[in-house]
Amino acid sequence: MFSGTYRSINSKMLKRKIIKAGNKKIEAIAIKLLTKSFVLFRGSKGYIMCGYLNMKVAQKFQDAAAKIVGVAGIEDALKARIHSCTAQAKKLGIKPGQPVKLALQLIA
């Protein structure tokens, strides 16, 4: 059985940051895979993820989820725009074309 503590990790393979969105916090994670990186922003109301996100599954689970594409890491993702999103994300005010920094405030 695995046991351990949760802590901030920064290595060549894994980056984790806490980003402020207004007065709330967003967890940002980037994992270096074989050729690309998996990037995720997680807030208390939903998440924003790179192109690895399967929108049909996120919609099936009724997640407030948004997809961004063409990003290589956390800093790159912060400059991106929303590519697509679920109906639940739209209820929060997220929409395609919206800057990620604005959407982060909505999922915080």
Protein backbone atom coordinates (compact mmCIF):
# COMPACT_ATOMS: atom_id res chain seq x y z
CA MET A 1 0.00 0.00 0.00
CA PHE A 2 1.27 3.48 -0.86
CA SER A 3 1.56 6.06 1.85
CA GLY A 4 3.12 9.46 1.69
CA THR A 5 2.64 13.14 2.17
CA TYR A 6 1.34 15.73 -0.25
CA ARG A 7 3.88 18.40 -1.08
CA SER A 8 4.86 20.76 -3.82
CA ILE A 9 6.99 19.00 -6.40
CA ASN A 10 9.14 20.49 -9.12
CA SER A 11 11.34 18.24 -11.20
CA LYS A 12 12.18 17.77 -14.86
CA MET A 13 9.16 15.47 -15.19
CA LEU A 14 6.58 17.15 -12.93
CA LYS A 15 5.81 20.80 -12.21
CA ARG A 16 3.20 21.96 -9.69
CA LYS A 17 2.29 25.56 -8.93
CA ILE A 18 -0.41 27.34 -7.00
CA ILE A 19 -1.80 30.26 -9.00
CA LYS A 20 -3.91 33.06 -7.56
CA ALA A 21 -7.20 33.78 -9.31
CA GLY A 22 -8.61 36.80 -7.54
CA ASN A 23 -8.63 35.87 -3.86
CA LYS A 24 -8.81 32.11 -4.59
CA LYS A 25 -6.20 29.56 -5.63
CA ILE A 26 -5.86 27.26 -8.63
CA GLU A 27 -3.61 24.21 -8.70
CA ALA A 28 -1.52 24.00 -11.89
CA ILE A 29 0.16 20.74 -12.86
CA ALA A 30 2.34 19.88 -15.85
CA ILE A 31 3.66 16.36 -16.42
CA LYS A 32 6.26 15.73 -19.10
CA LEU A 33 5.24 12.65 -21.07
CA LEU A 34 7.26 11.01 -23.84
CA THR A 35 6.89 13.72 -26.48
CA LYS A 36 4.40 16.26 -25.06
CA SER A 37 3.28 17.60 -21.70
CA PHE A 38 -0.01 17.02 -19.86
CA VAL A 39 -1.20 20.36 -18.43
CA LEU A 40 -4.03 20.80 -15.92
CA PHE A 41 -5.48 23.73 -13.97
CA ARG A 42 -7.79 22.56 -11.15
CA GLY A 43 -10.13 24.83 -9.24
CA SER A 44 -12.92 24.17 -6.76
CA LYS A 45 -15.62 24.41 -9.48
CA GLY A 46 -13.92 22.79 -12.46
CA TYR A 47 -10.77 22.32 -14.48
CA ILE A 48 -8.99 23.40 -17.64
CA MET A 49 -6.86 20.84 -19.40
CA CYS A 50 -4.69 20.42 -22.47
CA GLY A 51 -5.63 18.49 -25.61
CA TYR A 52 -5.44 15.17 -23.75
CA LEU A 53 -8.91 15.99 -22.34
CA ASN A 54 -11.68 13.80 -23.74
CA MET A 55 -14.58 16.25 -23.88
CA LYS A 56 -17.19 13.52 -24.38
CA VAL A 57 -16.14 11.84 -21.13
CA ALA A 58 -15.99 15.15 -19.24
CA GLN A 59 -19.51 15.93 -20.47
CA LYS A 60 -20.73 12.43 -19.53
CA PHE A 61 -19.46 12.96 -15.96
CA GLN A 62 -21.03 16.45 -15.96
CA ASP A 63 -17.70 18.10 -15.15
CA ALA A 64 -17.19 21.83 -15.61
CA ALA A 65 -14.25 21.31 -17.96
CA ALA A 66 -12.53 23.33 -20.66
CA LYS A 67 -9.89 22.31 -23.19
CA ILE A 68 -6.87 24.29 -24.37
CA VAL A 69 -4.64 23.17 -27.24
CA GLY A 70 -1.10 23.75 -28.45
CA VAL A 71 0.44 24.35 -25.03
CA ALA A 72 3.79 23.03 -23.80
CA GLY A 73 3.65 23.91 -20.11
CA ILE A 74 2.02 25.97 -17.37
CA GLU A 75 3.32 29.38 -18.48
CA ASP A 76 2.37 28.66 -22.09
CA ALA A 77 -1.11 27.54 -20.99
CA LEU A 78 -1.69 30.77 -19.07
CA LYS A 79 -1.40 32.66 -22.39
CA ALA A 80 -3.81 30.36 -24.23
CA ARG A 81 -7.50 30.69 -25.05
CA ILE A 82 -10.26 28.18 -24.39
CA HIS A 83 -10.70 25.82 -27.34
CA SER A 84 -13.88 24.04 -26.19
CA CYS A 85 -15.85 23.42 -23.01
CA THR A 86 -18.65 21.36 -21.48
CA ALA A 87 -22.19 22.58 -20.84
CA GLN A 88 -21.38 22.77 -17.12
CA ALA A 89 -18.40 25.04 -17.84
CA LYS A 90 -20.63 27.25 -19.98
CA LYS A 91 -22.97 27.62 -16.99
CA LEU A 92 -20.00 29.11 -15.09
CA GLY A 93 -19.48 31.64 -17.91
CA ILE A 94 -16.66 29.88 -19.75
CA LYS A 95 -16.76 29.98 -23.55
CA PRO A 96 -14.54 29.12 -26.52
CA GLY A 97 -12.09 31.89 -27.40
CA GLN A 98 -11.96 33.19 -23.83
CA PRO A 99 -8.52 33.85 -22.29
CA VAL A 100 -7.47 31.13 -19.84
CA LYS A 101 -6.73 33.71 -17.14
CA LEU A 102 -10.39 34.80 -17.18
CA ALA A 103 -11.65 31.21 -17.16
CA LEU A 104 -9.41 30.44 -14.17
CA GLN A 105 -11.30 33.05 -12.14
CA LEU A 106 -14.55 31.27 -13.04
CA ILE A 107 -13.41 27.81 -11.89
CA ALA A 108 -11.53 28.96 -8.77
